[in-house]
Amino acid sequence: MENDFYKKLVDRNIGLLSWDQQKGLKETCVSVFGLGGLGGVIAQILIRCGIGKMKIVDNDHFEPTNLNRQIFSYTSTLNQLKVDVTERFLKEINPDLIIEKFTVVNEETVNLMLEGSKVALLAIDKTKPCILISRACREKGIPLIEGWAIPFGNVRVYTKDTITLEEVY
């Protein structure tokens, strides 16, 4: 762990994790699909835990209806792209974070979004991109974690050994 700032950022993780495990997190890339009420919180927690690389995806702007539940939504961030605002805030936590931003999920871009990722987090509320992401993750052997907060909080993990997202829904 050559970076003194990073050591200070994650120092309190040590004990729960070894330095080797923490180094593994620093070298891990996670793809976060959707940066709203759930995805923004997940992205922030992961960076605070020491994830060193992240790909973030959202095509939306912050709007007044987001102020009551989305972590990076402020009057100062209204009308700004969620990926731009999220990148800015995450870099405030860890300036060395390697981050890639995307605003479109389609058959052409989904593979780029997953390239190099160890895990994908699904927090998108539209069906077609969820199916594209789920199929691509299964094909690449990347675990897909899906979370929903409404109407009840739940988390599902899809792997090559589980039923598919499509079968669940």
Protein backbone atom coordinates (compact mmCIF):
# COMPACT_ATOMS: atom_id res chain seq x y z
CA MET A 1 0.00 0.00 0.00
CA GLU A 2 2.30 2.68 -1.32
CA ASN A 3 -0.10 5.62 -1.12
CA ASP A 4 -0.11 7.26 2.33
CA PHE A 5 -3.47 8.96 1.71
CA TYR A 6 -5.10 5.65 0.80
CA LYS A 7 -3.64 4.03 3.93
CA LYS A 8 -5.28 6.72 6.06
CA LEU A 9 -8.57 6.39 4.16
CA VAL A 10 -8.87 2.66 4.87
CA ASP A 11 -6.89 2.34 8.12
CA ARG A 12 -9.99 1.51 10.18
CA ASN A 13 -10.83 -1.37 7.83
CA ILE A 14 -7.70 -3.21 8.95
CA GLY A 15 -8.66 -5.81 11.48
CA LEU A 16 -11.84 -6.60 9.61
CA LEU A 17 -9.66 -6.97 6.51
CA SER A 18 -5.97 -7.72 6.17
CA TRP A 19 -3.73 -5.31 4.24
CA ASP A 20 -3.64 -7.88 1.41
CA GLN A 21 -7.44 -7.99 1.27
CA GLN A 22 -7.56 -4.18 1.35
CA LYS A 23 -5.05 -4.07 -1.50
CA GLY A 24 -7.39 -6.42 -3.38
CA LEU A 25 -10.24 -3.91 -2.93
CA LYS A 26 -8.02 -1.08 -4.15
CA GLU A 27 -7.32 -3.05 -7.33
CA THR A 28 -10.95 -4.10 -7.84
CA CYS A 29 -13.25 -2.52 -10.39
CA VAL A 30 -16.99 -2.38 -9.71
CA SER A 31 -19.68 -1.34 -12.20
CA VAL A 32 -22.62 0.59 -10.71
CA PHE A 33 -25.66 0.80 -12.98
CA GLY A 34 -27.92 3.63 -11.80
CA LEU A 35 -26.96 6.50 -9.49
CA GLY A 36 -30.27 7.38 -7.89
CA GLY A 37 -31.53 6.64 -4.40
CA LEU A 38 -29.77 3.29 -4.10
CA GLY A 39 -26.93 3.41 -6.63
CA GLY A 40 -25.47 6.69 -5.37
CA VAL A 41 -25.35 5.39 -1.80
CA ILE A 42 -23.78 2.11 -2.92
CA ALA A 43 -21.12 3.94 -4.95
CA GLN A 44 -20.23 6.16 -1.99
CA ILE A 45 -19.98 3.26 0.47
CA LEU A 46 -17.77 1.27 -1.90
CA ILE A 47 -15.36 4.17 -2.35
CA ARG A 48 -15.22 4.74 1.41
CA CYS A 49 -14.41 1.02 1.81
CA GLY A 50 -11.45 1.43 -0.52
CA ILE A 51 -12.58 0.25 -3.97
CA GLY A 52 -10.05 1.84 -6.31
CA LYS A 53 -11.79 1.59 -9.69
CA MET A 54 -15.39 2.17 -10.60
CA LYS A 55 -17.56 2.41 -13.68
CA ILE A 56 -20.73 4.43 -13.16
CA VAL A 57 -23.75 4.54 -15.42
CA ASP A 58 -26.80 6.81 -15.48
CA ASN A 59 -28.48 8.84 -18.21
CA ASP A 60 -30.41 11.16 -15.94
CA HIS A 61 -29.98 14.64 -14.45
CA PHE A 62 -30.71 15.57 -10.85
CA GLU A 63 -34.11 17.22 -10.49
CA PRO A 64 -36.08 18.61 -7.54
CA THR A 65 -37.93 15.34 -6.96
CA ASN A 66 -34.56 13.68 -6.19
CA LEU A 67 -33.77 16.02 -3.28
CA ASN A 68 -35.64 13.93 -0.71
CA ARG A 69 -33.81 10.64 -1.31
CA GLN A 70 -30.68 10.82 -3.47
CA ILE A 71 -27.36 11.31 -1.76
CA PHE A 72 -25.73 13.60 -4.33
CA SER A 73 -28.87 15.63 -5.02
CA TYR A 74 -28.64 19.22 -3.76
CA THR A 75 -30.05 22.48 -5.06
CA SER A 76 -26.53 23.14 -6.36
CA THR A 77 -26.51 19.91 -8.41
CA LEU A 78 -29.96 20.25 -10.00
CA ASN A 79 -30.00 19.85 -13.79
CA GLN A 80 -26.52 18.31 -13.76
CA LEU A 81 -25.83 14.80 -15.06
CA LYS A 82 -25.80 12.27 -12.24
CA VAL A 83 -22.59 10.68 -13.56
CA ASP A 84 -20.76 14.03 -13.48
CA VAL A 85 -21.96 14.97 -10.00
CA THR A 86 -21.27 11.48 -8.64
CA GLU A 87 -17.76 11.47 -10.08
CA ARG A 88 -17.05 14.83 -8.47
CA PHE A 89 -18.25 13.71 -5.02
CA LEU A 90 -16.49 10.33 -5.18
CA LYS A 91 -13.22 12.04 -6.12
CA GLU A 92 -13.68 14.27 -3.06
CA ILE A 93 -13.49 11.07 -0.99
CA ASN A 94 -10.63 9.47 -2.93
CA PRO A 95 -8.86 11.74 -5.44
CA ASP A 96 -6.92 8.73 -6.78
CA LEU A 97 -10.10 6.89 -7.74
CA ILE A 98 -10.05 5.59 -11.31
CA ILE A 99 -13.52 6.19 -12.68
CA GLU A 100 -15.25 5.73 -16.02
CA LYS A 101 -18.62 7.31 -16.79
CA PHE A 102 -21.33 6.16 -19.17
CA THR A 103 -24.75 7.61 -19.95
CA VAL A 104 -26.16 4.95 -22.28
CA VAL A 105 -26.77 1.24 -21.68
CA ASN A 106 -27.22 -0.63 -24.91
CA GLU A 107 -25.91 -3.70 -26.70
CA GLU A 108 -22.84 -1.77 -27.87
CA THR A 109 -21.85 -0.20 -24.54
CA VAL A 110 -22.73 -2.84 -21.94
CA ASN A 111 -19.57 -4.85 -22.62
CA LEU A 112 -17.39 -1.75 -22.16
CA MET A 113 -19.13 -1.05 -18.88
CA LEU A 114 -18.39 -4.55 -17.60
CA GLU A 115 -14.87 -4.92 -18.97
CA GLY A 116 -12.49 -5.49 -16.08
CA SER A 117 -15.23 -5.46 -13.43
CA LYS A 118 -15.35 -8.07 -10.68
CA VAL A 119 -18.98 -7.34 -9.79
CA ALA A 120 -21.90 -5.31 -11.14
CA LEU A 121 -24.55 -3.53 -9.08
CA LEU A 122 -27.95 -3.02 -10.64
CA ALA A 123 -30.00 -0.02 -9.46
CA ILE A 124 -31.80 0.89 -12.68
CA ASP A 125 -35.60 1.05 -12.87
CA LYS A 126 -36.06 0.34 -16.57
CA THR A 127 -36.56 -3.20 -17.87
CA LYS A 128 -34.58 -3.31 -21.14
CA PRO A 129 -31.21 -2.19 -19.72
CA CYS A 130 -31.66 -4.52 -16.73
CA ILE A 131 -32.10 -7.47 -19.09
CA LEU A 132 -29.10 -6.44 -21.22
CA ILE A 133 -26.91 -6.05 -18.13
CA SER A 134 -28.10 -9.32 -16.61
CA ARG A 135 -27.45 -11.30 -19.78
CA ALA A 136 -23.99 -9.73 -20.27
CA CYS A 137 -23.01 -10.42 -16.65
CA ARG A 138 -24.08 -14.06 -16.93
CA GLU A 139 -22.18 -14.46 -20.20
CA LYS A 140 -19.02 -12.97 -18.66
CA GLY A 141 -19.35 -14.78 -15.32
CA ILE A 142 -19.65 -11.48 -13.40
CA PRO A 143 -21.89 -11.59 -10.32
CA LEU A 144 -24.81 -9.16 -10.57
CA ILE A 145 -26.24 -7.70 -7.37
CA GLU A 146 -29.71 -6.21 -7.66
CA GLY A 147 -31.25 -4.09 -4.94
CA TRP A 148 -34.60 -2.42 -4.48
CA ALA A 149 -35.76 -0.21 -1.66
CA ILE A 150 -39.44 0.02 -2.60
CA PRO A 151 -41.90 -1.44 -1.63
CA PHE A 152 -39.62 -3.51 0.63
CA GLY A 153 -35.85 -3.53 0.79
CA ASN A 154 -34.32 -6.59 -0.83
CA VAL A 155 -31.12 -7.75 -2.45
CA ARG A 156 -30.64 -10.54 -4.97
CA VAL A 157 -27.38 -11.91 -6.33
CA TYR A 158 -27.33 -13.51 -9.76
CA THR A 159 -24.46 -15.70 -10.91
CA LYS A 160 -24.00 -18.34 -13.59
CA ASP A 161 -25.25 -20.85 -10.99
CA THR A 162 -28.52 -19.09 -10.02
CA ILE A 163 -31.78 -18.54 -11.82
CA THR A 164 -31.71 -15.53 -14.13
CA LEU A 165 -33.11 -12.08 -13.50
CA GLU A 166 -35.63 -12.77 -16.26
CA GLU A 167 -36.79 -15.96 -14.56
CA VAL A 168 -37.29 -14.09 -11.29
CA TYR A 169 -39.47 -11.45 -12.94
